[in-house]
């Protein structure tokens, strides 16, 4: 991936000022959508959000829901969750900005917020035009967002725009737009220029312990005391930091990743930075184990790598299990560090053993369906066809929309035909050696007149399609589609067909007399005699 592509991935642009979006939440599995960001609720780690193209997935106790963002939303690159409310989430859509600003305001997109876990979305109420001393400017895009973990009402958004100076403008600049009351009112703080230019764009924002870090191509900057104190560019801070992350075990320790694969560290809340390691890899994301600070994870354009010694050595995890290997995001469950998630350009993968093995994310429904399929295959190997077909049918009935249902349906149809053939062969074996003469004599014992007997034989031979299907399905319990049932009926001899009809009348119960009388064109008395006959004993010598 090119450096420019890396910048686009980690800049997490853009939000805007004027559009309104709402959402529709529906139960749906994550398939192969690219997952650009993952957010786990600190309040309730069972709730996980995953940002993809034009939508956000919510995993709640294993069940998966898809919230579609309406309006002109392209790709969600950044999610920020309220640490005290698992259902309050911000989403920042990506927007590809032209290298040269236009004279008119570009079409831009909003930062969105949901307070009910994705069922409804609305735009963040940032003023459309912000004016301040000597500057008349409009915000072109927003590329990052952070929520203070100790003060969730403090929300910071990194913005970039064009300002027209009264004397020597215009200027492209970066600014921090922040709210101290949870998003009701917003303030702006322009990042002062360095020399003759303003530092821009803001690649990432990290809010921690009432401190706001933000990174630009010129270095890492810091606000403190609820954005009241500006410290400027920090000592020895690296340039081109694409992402910042805080150590869950120590709020004074912050790590940053750069375009050229380096990881920088501060252990004093940003007072000074030092190079931690050069990985020689294109890093797209970084994670720190919430229980063991020396355990680091990086996502790259060639897979996931783990270090148990604070970055000194690295080992690839999930090799051959995560394909393709373009990793966009990593997240570790804060309550159970064995459970990890990674977002790729082909969906989300999960590890339940701290990265030793990975598999494509599956909902409980998918896991249950796959378990049943394995059970059916086991029954198949043991030649227990009648049990296997019931399990395949259970999968079809319970999980019709899942991919595994296609396999179950194919197997189910194969078993239908196999069991039907077994039943047909069993019937032919049971009736083998029974001559037409014996059948005629048996029918005469029923008290049929010659005309009734001839009529019965004619009807048996020329049973309508619907009646033939009913006889085979309900009389012989053949698990076949209608066309197969009729075809099998036509293949039977006359007396085999009559046997099937007698079995069918047992299925009918109280309505047997009426159904048989109508179907076979015989009297009610004759039909009553047929009802009382045991089909198998009818042909016994």
Protein backbone atom coordinates (compact mmCIF):
# COMPACT_ATOMS: atom_id res chain seq x y z
CA UNK A 1 0.00 0.00 0.00
CA UNK A 2 1.28 3.47 -0.87
CA UNK A 3 2.11 6.10 1.75
CA UNK A 4 -0.80 8.14 0.48
CA UNK A 5 -3.09 5.14 0.93
CA UNK A 6 -1.82 4.69 4.47
CA UNK A 7 -2.60 8.31 5.21
CA UNK A 8 -6.13 7.89 3.91
CA UNK A 9 -6.69 4.87 6.10
CA UNK A 10 -5.51 6.51 9.31
CA UNK A 11 -6.64 10.11 8.77
CA UNK A 12 -10.20 8.83 9.32
CA UNK A 13 -11.74 11.67 7.40
CA UNK A 14 -14.44 13.25 7.22
CA UNK A 15 -17.36 14.72 9.09
CA UNK A 16 -19.43 17.72 8.23
CA UNK A 17 -21.86 20.34 9.32
CA UNK A 18 -25.11 20.10 7.46
CA UNK A 19 -26.49 16.62 6.67
CA UNK A 20 -28.93 14.56 8.75
CA UNK A 21 -28.87 10.75 8.94
CA UNK A 22 -31.07 8.16 10.56
CA UNK A 23 -30.52 4.44 10.97
CA UNK A 24 -32.40 1.18 10.66
CA UNK A 25 -31.28 -1.63 12.97
CA UNK A 26 -31.77 -5.19 11.74
CA UNK A 27 -30.50 -8.64 12.71
CA UNK A 28 -27.80 -9.53 10.21
CA UNK A 29 -24.52 -11.40 10.23
CA UNK A 30 -21.15 -9.87 9.39
CA UNK A 31 -20.10 -11.42 6.10
CA UNK A 32 -17.09 -10.09 4.18
CA UNK A 33 -17.61 -6.37 4.65
CA UNK A 34 -14.36 -4.47 5.29
CA UNK A 35 -14.16 -3.61 9.00
CA UNK A 36 -12.33 -0.31 9.42
CA UNK A 37 -12.77 0.19 13.15
CA UNK A 38 -13.84 -1.77 16.23
CA UNK A 39 -15.05 -0.31 19.53
CA UNK A 40 -15.67 -2.37 22.69
CA UNK A 41 -17.75 -0.85 25.47
CA UNK A 42 -15.73 -0.42 28.70
CA UNK A 43 -19.01 -0.40 30.61
CA UNK A 44 -20.30 -3.62 29.02
CA UNK A 45 -17.60 -5.55 27.08
CA UNK A 46 -20.26 -7.87 25.65
CA UNK A 47 -21.25 -5.00 23.35
CA UNK A 48 -18.92 -4.55 20.38
CA UNK A 49 -19.30 -2.19 17.42
CA UNK A 50 -17.69 -2.62 13.99
CA UNK A 51 -17.62 0.12 11.36
CA UNK A 52 -17.94 -0.79 7.68
CA UNK A 53 -19.17 0.73 4.41
CA UNK A 54 -22.19 2.89 5.14
CA UNK A 55 -23.14 0.88 8.22
CA UNK A 56 -22.20 -0.06 11.77
CA UNK A 57 -22.56 -3.56 13.19
CA UNK A 58 -23.46 -4.04 16.85
CA UNK A 59 -22.64 -7.34 18.53
CA UNK A 60 -24.67 -7.67 21.71
CA UNK A 61 -24.15 -10.85 23.75
CA UNK A 62 -23.19 -12.64 20.56
CA UNK A 63 -26.20 -11.54 18.51
CA UNK A 64 -25.33 -9.34 15.55
CA UNK A 65 -27.29 -6.33 14.29
CA UNK A 66 -26.61 -4.08 11.31
CA UNK A 67 -27.42 -0.38 11.52
CA UNK A 68 -27.60 1.20 8.10
CA UNK A 69 -26.65 4.86 7.93
CA UNK A 70 -28.97 6.66 5.54
CA UNK A 71 -27.91 9.59 3.41
CA UNK A 72 -24.72 10.03 1.44
CA UNK A 73 -22.46 8.06 3.78
CA UNK A 74 -19.62 6.14 2.16
CA UNK A 75 -17.33 4.36 4.60
CA UNK A 76 -17.13 4.46 8.39
CA UNK A 77 -13.50 4.64 9.46
CA UNK A 78 -13.73 5.70 13.10
CA UNK A 79 -15.97 4.83 16.03
CA UNK A 80 -15.87 6.44 19.49
CA UNK A 81 -17.94 4.97 22.31
CA UNK A 82 -19.06 6.66 25.52
CA UNK A 83 -17.19 4.84 28.33
CA UNK A 84 -20.23 5.14 30.61
CA UNK A 85 -22.98 4.29 28.11
CA UNK A 86 -22.63 1.26 25.85
CA UNK A 87 -25.39 2.49 23.55
CA UNK A 88 -23.96 5.98 22.91
CA UNK A 89 -21.65 5.93 19.92
CA UNK A 90 -20.09 8.42 17.49
CA UNK A 91 -19.34 7.48 13.88
CA UNK A 92 -17.00 9.42 11.57
CA UNK A 93 -17.46 8.76 7.82
CA UNK A 94 -14.51 8.84 5.47
CA UNK A 95 -14.37 11.50 2.77
CA UNK A 96 -11.67 11.76 0.13
CA UNK A 97 -10.57 15.38 0.01
CA UNK A 98 -9.12 16.95 -3.14
CA UNK A 99 -5.48 18.01 -2.82
CA UNK A 100 -6.50 21.56 -3.73
CA UNK A 101 -9.36 23.29 -1.92
CA UNK A 102 -12.14 24.68 -4.06
CA UNK A 103 -13.37 28.25 -3.94
CA UNK A 104 -16.72 26.96 -2.74
CA UNK A 105 -17.42 24.72 0.20
CA UNK A 106 -17.04 21.03 -0.80
CA UNK A 107 -19.74 18.46 -0.25
CA UNK A 108 -18.92 17.07 3.17
CA UNK A 109 -20.53 14.58 5.51
CA UNK A 110 -21.54 14.66 9.17
CA UNK A 111 -20.28 13.14 12.35
CA UNK A 112 -23.15 10.95 13.51
CA UNK A 113 -24.30 9.99 16.99
CA UNK A 114 -26.63 7.29 18.25
CA UNK A 115 -27.96 7.09 21.81
CA UNK A 116 -29.75 3.76 21.40
CA UNK A 117 -27.10 1.42 20.03
CA UNK A 118 -27.65 2.22 16.37
CA UNK A 119 -31.41 2.14 16.00
CA UNK A 120 -31.49 5.90 15.37
CA UNK A 121 -28.75 8.25 14.19
CA UNK A 122 -28.55 12.04 14.03
CA UNK A 123 -25.88 14.56 13.13
CA UNK A 124 -23.65 16.02 15.80
CA UNK A 125 -24.90 19.54 16.32
CA UNK A 126 -21.76 21.49 15.43
CA UNK A 127 -22.40 25.08 14.24
CA UNK A 128 -22.32 25.37 10.48
CA UNK A 129 -19.97 28.35 10.32
CA UNK A 130 -17.53 29.33 13.08
CA UNK A 131 -16.20 32.86 13.34
CA UNK A 132 -13.65 34.16 15.76
CA UNK A 133 -11.23 37.06 16.12
CA UNK A 134 -9.69 38.18 12.79
CA UNK A 135 -10.69 34.92 11.12
CA UNK A 136 -13.59 34.09 8.90
CA UNK A 137 -13.35 30.42 8.04
CA UNK A 138 -15.33 27.31 7.29
CA UNK A 139 -14.47 23.80 8.38
CA UNK A 140 -13.63 21.56 5.44
CA UNK A 141 -13.44 18.22 7.16
CA UNK A 142 -13.11 16.45 10.49
CA UNK A 143 -10.74 13.52 10.73
CA UNK A 144 -10.63 12.28 14.32
CA UNK A 145 -12.62 12.14 17.54
CA UNK A 146 -11.91 11.32 21.18
CA UNK A 147 -13.95 10.99 24.39
CA UNK A 148 -12.25 11.55 27.74
CA UNK A 149 -12.51 8.29 29.76
CA UNK A 150 -12.60 10.18 33.08
CA UNK A 151 -14.94 12.90 31.87
CA UNK A 152 -17.18 11.52 29.10
CA UNK A 153 -18.80 14.94 28.66
CA UNK A 154 -15.51 16.19 27.19
CA UNK A 155 -15.58 15.33 23.49
CA UNK A 156 -12.82 16.46 21.13
CA UNK A 157 -12.92 16.51 17.34
CA UNK A 158 -9.93 17.21 15.12
CA UNK A 159 -10.81 19.48 12.20
CA UNK A 160 -9.13 20.93 9.15
CA UNK A 161 -10.28 23.85 7.07
CA UNK A 162 -9.58 27.11 5.29
CA UNK A 163 -9.36 30.45 7.05
CA UNK A 164 -9.37 33.87 5.35
CA UNK A 165 -7.11 36.29 7.20
CA UNK A 166 -7.83 39.98 7.03
CA UNK A 167 -4.28 40.75 5.92
CA UNK A 168 -2.30 37.80 4.56
CA UNK A 169 -4.75 34.92 4.09
CA UNK A 170 -6.11 32.53 3.13
CA UNK A 171 -4.61 29.69 5.21
CA UNK A 172 -5.27 26.00 5.53
CA UNK A 173 -5.27 25.19 9.22
CA UNK A 174 -6.12 22.62 11.85
CA UNK A 175 -8.22 23.14 14.93
CA UNK A 176 -9.69 21.31 17.88
CA UNK A 177 -13.47 21.53 18.22
CA UNK A 178 -14.54 20.42 21.67
CA UNK A 179 -17.55 20.19 23.95
CA UNK A 180 -17.53 20.15 27.75
CA UNK A 181 -21.20 19.26 28.13
CA UNK A 182 -21.53 16.05 26.12
CA UNK A 183 -22.11 17.69 22.75
CA UNK A 184 -24.73 20.37 23.39
CA UNK A 185 -22.37 23.32 22.94
CA UNK A 186 -19.11 23.41 20.99
CA UNK A 187 -16.00 25.57 21.15
CA UNK A 188 -13.06 25.92 18.79
CA UNK A 189 -9.33 26.22 19.40
CA UNK A 190 -7.12 26.86 16.38
CA UNK A 191 -3.72 25.15 16.42
CA UNK A 192 -1.16 28.00 16.24
CA UNK A 193 1.15 28.14 13.27
CA UNK A 194 4.68 26.79 13.32
CA UNK A 195 6.84 29.28 11.47
CA UNK A 196 4.94 30.30 8.37
CA UNK A 197 2.44 27.44 8.25
CA UNK A 198 -0.24 25.83 10.33
CA UNK A 199 0.25 22.16 11.37
CA UNK A 200 -2.27 20.07 9.49
CA UNK A 201 -4.00 17.69 9.04
CA UNK A 202 -4.84 16.08 12.38
CA UNK A 203 -4.31 12.36 11.94
CA UNK A 204 -5.60 11.17 15.30
CA UNK A 205 -6.88 12.32 18.69
CA UNK A 206 -6.43 10.57 22.02
CA UNK A 207 -8.30 11.71 25.12
CA UNK A 208 -6.95 10.44 28.42
CA UNK A 209 -7.10 11.76 31.98
CA UNK A 210 -8.39 15.18 30.91
CA UNK A 211 -5.54 15.39 28.40
CA UNK A 212 -6.09 15.65 24.66
CA UNK A 213 -3.27 14.49 22.39
CA UNK A 214 -3.46 15.03 18.66
CA UNK A 215 -0.97 14.13 15.97
CA UNK A 216 -0.10 15.98 12.76
CA UNK A 217 2.68 15.67 10.16
CA UNK A 218 4.62 18.16 12.30
CA UNK A 219 4.46 16.19 15.56
CA UNK A 220 2.27 15.40 18.56
CA UNK A 221 0.49 18.27 20.31
CA UNK A 222 -1.31 18.43 23.65
CA UNK A 223 -4.14 20.23 25.43
CA UNK A 224 -4.66 19.78 29.18
CA UNK A 225 -7.11 20.77 31.91
CA UNK A 226 -10.23 20.27 29.77
CA UNK A 227 -8.67 22.10 26.77
CA UNK A 228 -7.82 25.16 28.89
CA UNK A 229 -4.03 24.77 28.60
CA UNK A 230 -2.21 24.35 25.28
CA UNK A 231 1.30 22.85 25.44
CA UNK A 232 2.10 22.96 21.74
CA UNK A 233 4.30 20.42 20.01
CA UNK A 234 5.69 18.02 22.61
CA UNK A 235 9.37 17.38 23.26
CA UNK A 236 10.96 14.83 20.91
CA UNK A 237 7.55 13.99 19.56
CA UNK A 238 7.63 11.98 16.32
CA UNK A 239 6.29 13.31 13.03
CA UNK A 240 3.67 11.64 10.85
CA UNK A 241 2.06 9.73 13.73
CA UNK A 242 -1.01 8.01 12.29
CA UNK A 243 -2.41 6.62 15.53
CA UNK A 244 -2.15 7.14 19.29
CA UNK A 245 -3.13 4.66 22.00
CA UNK A 246 -2.99 4.77 25.80
CA UNK A 247 -1.81 1.90 27.99
CA UNK A 248 -4.90 0.61 29.88
CA UNK A 249 -2.66 -0.16 32.87
CA UNK A 250 -0.98 3.25 33.00
CA UNK A 251 -2.65 6.44 31.78
CA UNK A 252 0.74 8.22 31.62
CA UNK A 253 2.01 5.80 28.96
CA UNK A 254 1.03 6.56 25.38
CA UNK A 255 2.25 4.84 22.22
CA UNK A 256 2.18 6.22 18.68
CA UNK A 257 2.68 4.52 15.30
CA UNK A 258 4.18 6.22 12.25
CA UNK A 259 4.01 5.78 8.48
CA UNK A 260 7.47 4.22 8.35
CA UNK A 261 6.70 1.45 10.86
CA UNK A 262 8.11 3.00 14.03
CA UNK A 263 6.52 2.93 17.49
CA UNK A 264 7.16 5.84 19.84
CA UNK A 265 6.48 5.92 23.58
CA UNK A 266 5.92 8.45 26.33
CA UNK A 267 5.72 7.32 29.95
CA UNK A 268 5.13 10.78 31.43
CA UNK A 269 1.86 11.79 29.79
CA UNK A 270 3.59 13.36 26.82
CA UNK A 271 6.26 15.47 28.49
CA UNK A 272 8.81 13.66 26.32
CA UNK A 273 8.79 10.93 23.68
CA UNK A 274 11.33 8.26 22.78
CA UNK A 275 11.61 5.71 19.99
CA UNK A 276 10.47 2.32 21.28
CA UNK A 277 11.08 0.13 18.23
CA UNK A 278 11.46 0.12 14.45
CA UNK A 279 9.33 -2.74 13.16
CA UNK A 280 10.23 -2.45 9.46
CA UNK A 281 6.53 -3.02 8.74
CA UNK A 282 3.66 -0.91 7.43
CA UNK A 283 1.63 -0.57 10.60
CA UNK A 284 -2.05 0.30 10.33
CA UNK A 285 -3.13 -0.21 13.96
CA UNK A 286 -1.78 -0.99 17.44
CA UNK A 287 -3.19 -2.64 20.57
CA UNK A 288 -1.85 -3.05 24.12
CA UNK A 289 -2.85 -6.01 26.27
CA UNK A 290 -5.08 -4.62 29.07
CA UNK A 291 -3.55 -7.04 31.60
CA UNK A 292 0.10 -7.22 30.48
CA UNK A 293 1.52 -3.90 29.25
CA UNK A 294 4.58 -5.46 27.62
CA UNK A 295 2.39 -7.46 25.25
CA UNK A 296 1.83 -5.45 22.07
CA UNK A 297 -0.07 -6.20 18.89
CA UNK A 298 0.25 -4.52 15.51
CA UNK A 299 -1.91 -4.86 12.43
CA UNK A 300 -0.12 -4.46 9.11
CA UNK A 301 -0.70 -4.86 5.39
CA UNK A 302 0.70 -8.38 5.81
CA UNK A 303 -1.04 -9.78 8.89
CA UNK A 304 -0.99 -9.47 12.70
CA UNK A 305 2.18 -9.54 14.78
CA UNK A 306 2.59 -9.98 18.54
CA UNK A 307 5.40 -8.98 20.89
CA UNK A 308 5.70 -10.28 24.45
CA UNK A 309 8.72 -8.10 25.27
CA UNK A 310 7.53 -4.54 24.60
CA UNK A 311 8.43 -4.63 20.92
CA UNK A 312 11.90 -6.17 21.00
CA UNK A 313 10.82 -9.27 19.06
CA UNK A 314 7.73 -9.95 16.95
CA UNK A 315 5.95 -13.09 15.83
CA UNK A 316 3.13 -13.38 13.30
CA UNK A 317 -0.15 -14.78 14.61
CA UNK A 318 -3.01 -16.21 12.61
CA UNK A 319 -0.73 -17.16 9.74
CA UNK A 320 -2.81 -18.94 7.12
CA UNK A 321 -5.99 -18.24 9.12
CA UNK A 322 -6.55 -14.57 8.29
CA UNK A 323 -6.76 -14.10 4.54
CA UNK A 324 -6.30 -11.62 3.00
CA UNK A 325 -3.86 -10.05 5.43
CA UNK A 326 -4.76 -6.33 5.20
CA UNK A 327 -5.53 -5.46 8.82
CA UNK A 328 -7.46 -2.24 9.51
CA UNK A 329 -8.24 -2.50 13.23
CA UNK A 330 -7.48 -4.45 16.41
CA UNK A 331 -9.38 -4.58 19.72
CA UNK A 332 -8.95 -6.59 22.93
CA UNK A 333 -11.77 -7.27 25.38
CA UNK A 334 -10.86 -5.18 28.47
CA UNK A 335 -12.40 -7.69 30.88
CA UNK A 336 -11.09 -10.87 29.22
CA UNK A 337 -7.83 -10.39 27.32
CA UNK A 338 -8.06 -13.82 25.67
CA UNK A 339 -10.85 -12.47 23.46
CA UNK A 340 -9.61 -10.38 20.53
CA UNK A 341 -11.11 -8.91 17.37
CA UNK A 342 -9.45 -7.77 14.17
CA UNK A 343 -11.00 -5.95 11.22
CA UNK A 344 -9.79 -6.74 7.71
CA UNK A 345 -10.80 -5.89 4.16
CA UNK A 346 -12.70 -9.19 4.12
CA UNK A 347 -14.65 -9.07 7.37
CA UNK A 348 -13.92 -9.50 11.07
CA UNK A 349 -11.90 -12.27 12.70
CA UNK A 350 -11.98 -13.41 16.32
CA UNK A 351 -9.50 -15.13 18.63
CA UNK A 352 -10.51 -16.68 21.95
CA UNK A 353 -6.99 -17.70 22.99
CA UNK A 354 -5.08 -14.40 22.86
CA UNK A 355 -4.23 -14.66 19.20
CA UNK A 356 -2.93 -18.24 19.02
CA UNK A 357 -5.65 -19.05 16.49
CA UNK A 358 -8.11 -16.90 14.54
CA UNK A 359 -11.34 -17.60 12.73
CA UNK A 360 -13.92 -15.57 10.83
CA UNK A 361 -16.44 -14.05 13.21
CA UNK A 362 -19.52 -16.19 13.65
CA UNK A 363 -22.72 -15.39 15.51
CA UNK A 364 -24.25 -17.95 17.90
CA UNK A 365 -26.72 -18.81 15.13
CA UNK A 366 -23.88 -19.57 12.71
CA UNK A 367 -22.05 -21.62 15.34
CA UNK A 368 -25.22 -23.60 16.12
CA UNK A 369 -25.91 -24.23 12.43
CA UNK A 370 -22.36 -25.44 11.84
CA UNK A 371 -22.58 -27.72 14.88
CA UNK A 372 -25.79 -29.27 13.52
CA UNK A 373 -24.21 -29.71 10.10
CA UNK A 374 -21.26 -31.55 11.66
CA UNK A 375 -23.72 -33.70 13.62
CA UNK A 376 -25.61 -34.58 10.45
CA UNK A 377 -22.39 -35.48 8.66
CA UNK A 378 -21.46 -37.76 11.55
CA UNK A 379 -24.82 -39.52 11.31
CA UNK A 380 -24.28 -39.81 7.58
CA UNK A 381 -20.95 -41.57 8.08
CA UNK A 382 -22.64 -43.99 10.48
CA UNK A 383 -25.31 -44.74 7.82
CA UNK A 384 -28.05 -43.38 10.06
CA UNK A 385 -29.86 -41.76 7.17
CA UNK A 386 -33.24 -41.27 8.81
CA UNK A 387 -31.67 -39.31 11.69
CA UNK A 388 -29.34 -37.34 9.44
CA UNK A 389 -32.14 -36.08 7.22
CA UNK A 390 -34.00 -34.74 10.26
CA UNK A 391 -30.96 -32.72 11.30
CA UNK A 392 -30.54 -31.31 7.79
CA UNK A 393 -34.20 -30.33 7.83
CA UNK A 394 -33.72 -28.64 11.22
CA UNK A 395 -30.94 -26.49 9.74
CA UNK A 396 -33.14 -25.50 6.78
CA UNK A 397 -36.06 -24.58 9.02
CA UNK A 398 -34.07 -22.75 11.71
CA UNK A 399 -31.35 -20.99 9.70
CA UNK A 400 -32.64 -20.50 6.13
CA UNK A 401 -30.67 -17.28 5.51
CA UNK A 402 -27.24 -18.58 6.57
CA UNK A 403 -24.64 -19.76 4.07
CA UNK A 404 -24.50 -23.18 5.75
CA UNK A 405 -28.17 -23.73 4.81
CA UNK A 406 -27.14 -24.14 1.15
CA UNK A 407 -24.99 -27.14 2.05
CA UNK A 408 -27.74 -28.53 4.27
CA UNK A 409 -30.31 -28.21 1.48
CA UNK A 410 -28.10 -30.04 -1.01
CA UNK A 411 -27.51 -32.86 1.46
CA UNK A 412 -31.19 -32.93 2.39
CA UNK A 413 -32.26 -33.43 -1.24
CA UNK A 414 -29.71 -36.21 -1.68
CA UNK A 415 -31.04 -37.97 1.40
CA UNK A 416 -34.63 -37.52 0.21
CA UNK A 417 -33.91 -39.45 -2.94
CA UNK A 418 -31.87 -42.10 -1.13
CA UNK A 419 -34.54 -42.76 1.50
CA UNK A 420 -37.27 -42.78 -1.14
CA UNK A 421 -35.41 -45.40 -3.15
CA UNK A 422 -34.97 -47.47 0.01
CA UNK A 423 -38.70 -47.35 0.71
CA UNK A 424 -39.60 -48.23 -2.88
CA UNK A 425 -37.20 -51.17 -2.86
CA UNK A 426 -38.65 -52.32 0.47
CA UNK A 427 -42.16 -52.25 -0.97
CA UNK A 428 -41.09 -54.16 -4.05
CA UNK A 429 -39.37 -56.77 -1.88
CA UNK A 430 -42.42 -57.20 0.37
CA UNK A 431 -44.75 -57.62 -2.59
CA UNK A 432 -42.44 -59.76 -4.65
CA UNK A 433 -44.13 -62.97 -5.73
CA UNK A 434 -47.65 -61.61 -5.28
CA UNK A 435 -49.36 -62.33 -8.57
CA UNK A 436 -52.05 -60.26 -10.24
CA UNK A 437 -54.40 -63.22 -9.76
CA UNK A 438 -53.95 -63.09 -5.99
CA UNK A 439 -54.62 -59.39 -6.01
CA UNK A 440 -57.81 -59.91 -8.03
CA UNK A 441 -58.98 -62.63 -5.65
CA UNK A 442 -58.26 -60.43 -2.66
CA UNK A 443 -60.24 -57.59 -4.21
CA UNK A 444 -63.18 -59.92 -4.92
CA UNK A 445 -63.23 -60.85 -1.22
CA UNK A 446 -63.99 -57.20 -0.51
CA UNK A 447 -67.37 -57.72 -2.11
CA UNK A 448 -66.69 -55.58 -5.18
CA UNK A 449 -68.81 -56.12 -8.19
CA UNK A 450 -67.04 -56.77 -11.50
CA UNK A 451 -67.80 -53.21 -12.61
CA UNK A 452 -66.41 -51.82 -9.33
CA UNK A 453 -63.35 -54.02 -9.64
CA UNK A 454 -62.68 -52.83 -13.18
CA UNK A 455 -63.31 -49.24 -12.10
CA UNK A 456 -60.93 -49.64 -9.19
CA UNK A 457 -58.19 -51.03 -11.42
CA UNK A 458 -58.69 -48.20 -13.90
CA UNK A 459 -58.56 -45.54 -11.20
CA UNK A 460 -55.42 -47.07 -9.64
CA UNK A 461 -53.74 -47.03 -13.03
CA UNK A 462 -54.84 -43.51 -13.89
CA UNK A 463 -54.71 -41.74 -10.54
CA UNK A 464 -54.49 -37.97 -10.96
CA UNK A 465 -51.18 -36.25 -10.31
CA UNK A 466 -52.33 -34.64 -7.06
CA UNK A 467 -53.72 -37.96 -5.75
CA UNK A 468 -50.58 -39.86 -6.77
CA UNK A 469 -48.46 -37.33 -4.93
CA UNK A 470 -50.67 -37.55 -1.85
CA UNK A 471 -50.52 -41.35 -1.87
CA UNK A 472 -46.73 -41.44 -2.07
CA UNK A 473 -46.12 -38.66 0.45
CA UNK A 474 -48.77 -39.58 2.98
CA UNK A 475 -49.08 -43.31 2.38
CA UNK A 476 -45.45 -44.30 1.99
CA UNK A 477 -44.01 -41.21 3.76
CA UNK A 478 -41.62 -40.46 0.93
CA UNK A 479 -39.63 -37.26 1.64
CA UNK A 480 -39.61 -36.20 -2.00
CA UNK A 481 -40.60 -33.19 -4.03
CA UNK A 482 -43.94 -33.55 -5.82
CA UNK A 483 -42.47 -34.36 -9.23
CA UNK A 484 -40.38 -37.22 -7.81
CA UNK A 485 -43.38 -38.59 -5.89
CA UNK A 486 -45.53 -38.81 -9.01
CA UNK A 487 -42.70 -40.35 -11.02
CA UNK A 488 -42.20 -43.07 -8.38
CA UNK A 489 -45.94 -43.82 -8.34
CA UNK A 490 -45.99 -44.36 -12.10
CA UNK A 491 -43.12 -46.84 -11.76
CA UNK A 492 -45.07 -49.12 -9.40
CA UNK A 493 -47.11 -52.07 -10.65
CA UNK A 494 -50.89 -52.02 -10.19
CA UNK A 495 -50.89 -54.03 -7.00
CA UNK A 496 -47.99 -52.00 -5.56
CA UNK A 497 -50.01 -48.86 -6.24
CA UNK A 498 -53.00 -50.40 -4.52
CA UNK A 499 -50.81 -51.21 -1.53
CA UNK A 500 -49.68 -47.58 -1.38
CA UNK A 501 -53.33 -46.45 -1.52
CA UNK A 502 -54.24 -48.71 1.37
CA UNK A 503 -51.37 -47.22 3.37
CA UNK A 504 -52.66 -43.78 2.46
CA UNK A 505 -56.09 -44.48 3.94
CA UNK A 506 -54.41 -45.20 7.31
CA UNK A 507 -52.93 -41.74 7.22
CA UNK A 508 -56.33 -40.16 6.53
CA UNK A 509 -57.92 -41.42 9.75
CA UNK A 510 -61.62 -40.47 10.10
CA UNK A 511 -61.82 -39.03 6.60
CA UNK A 512 -60.51 -42.24 5.02
CA UNK A 513 -63.90 -43.52 3.83
CA UNK A 514 -64.86 -40.31 2.13
CA UNK A 515 -61.42 -39.80 0.55
CA UNK A 516 -61.15 -43.36 -0.73
CA UNK A 517 -64.70 -43.33 -2.08
CA UNK A 518 -63.99 -40.20 -4.04
CA UNK A 519 -60.52 -41.19 -5.17
CA UNK A 520 -61.34 -44.76 -6.27
CA UNK A 521 -64.90 -44.20 -7.46
CA UNK A 522 -66.33 -46.94 -5.19
CA UNK A 523 -69.23 -47.17 -2.77
CA UNK A 524 -68.96 -46.12 0.87
CA UNK A 525 -69.45 -49.75 1.95
CA UNK A 526 -66.49 -50.91 -0.11
CA UNK A 527 -64.46 -48.02 1.15
CA UNK A 528 -65.24 -48.97 4.75
CA UNK A 529 -63.98 -52.48 4.01
CA UNK A 530 -60.75 -51.02 2.64
CA UNK A 531 -60.33 -48.85 5.72
CA UNK A 532 -60.42 -51.89 7.97
CA UNK A 533 -57.76 -53.77 6.03
CA UNK A 534 -54.17 -54.01 7.21
CA UNK A 535 -52.22 -53.19 4.04
CA UNK A 536 -49.44 -55.67 4.69
CA UNK A 537 -51.68 -58.57 5.70
CA UNK A 538 -53.96 -57.97 2.72
CA UNK A 539 -51.50 -59.68 0.36
CA UNK A 540 -50.34 -62.44 2.70
CA UNK A 541 -51.15 -66.00 1.60
